[in-house]
Amino acid sequence: MKIDTRYFGEMEIEEKEIIKFEQGLPGFIEEKKFVVIPFGDEETPLNILQSVSTPSLAFVIANPFLFFRNYEFDIPEAVTSQLQIKGEQEVAVFVILTVQDPFEKTTANLKAPIVINIEKGYGKQIVLNDEQYITKHTLLQESLNAVKGDR
């Protein structure tokens, strides 16, 4: 099927690529279907979470574990049940980025990761109760600190 996207114009996607969010995303509860599209070449850690029905609705997302080495949380049992997750190999986690100019000021929302069952095509954005995570962690600064800490 063809969809119109915010960043890439019209694209052809397969039905199996669609991730269903039964409850939508916070603030966008009417949006139930998204696709994850690599941002640029396959080497980039950035992706786009694109609404299937609303071309202008798209979020820049990233795998948080590439940028925040100590990031961790437990997926609530209700979520694993809702997403029909049987094992961690089925799970992909992304966080929404707020891209700034310059890019060094870009932040990541670690407070509300997006959990996807990549086998079943179900997704949910969950809000963590862990107070160490906020909605605006500086993406690159914390990554640099992690690298410096490794030395």
Foldseek 3Di string as FASTA:
>chain_A
DWAQAQPPGIDDDDPLQWAAECQAAVVCRVQGIWGWACDPDPPDQWIKTTGRVDRNDIFIKGQVCLQAVPQDDDDDPVVCVVQVPDDCVQKGKIWTWDADVVRQQIFTQSQWIKIHRSVRRYIYTHGDPDPVTGGGDRRHVSSVVVVVVVD
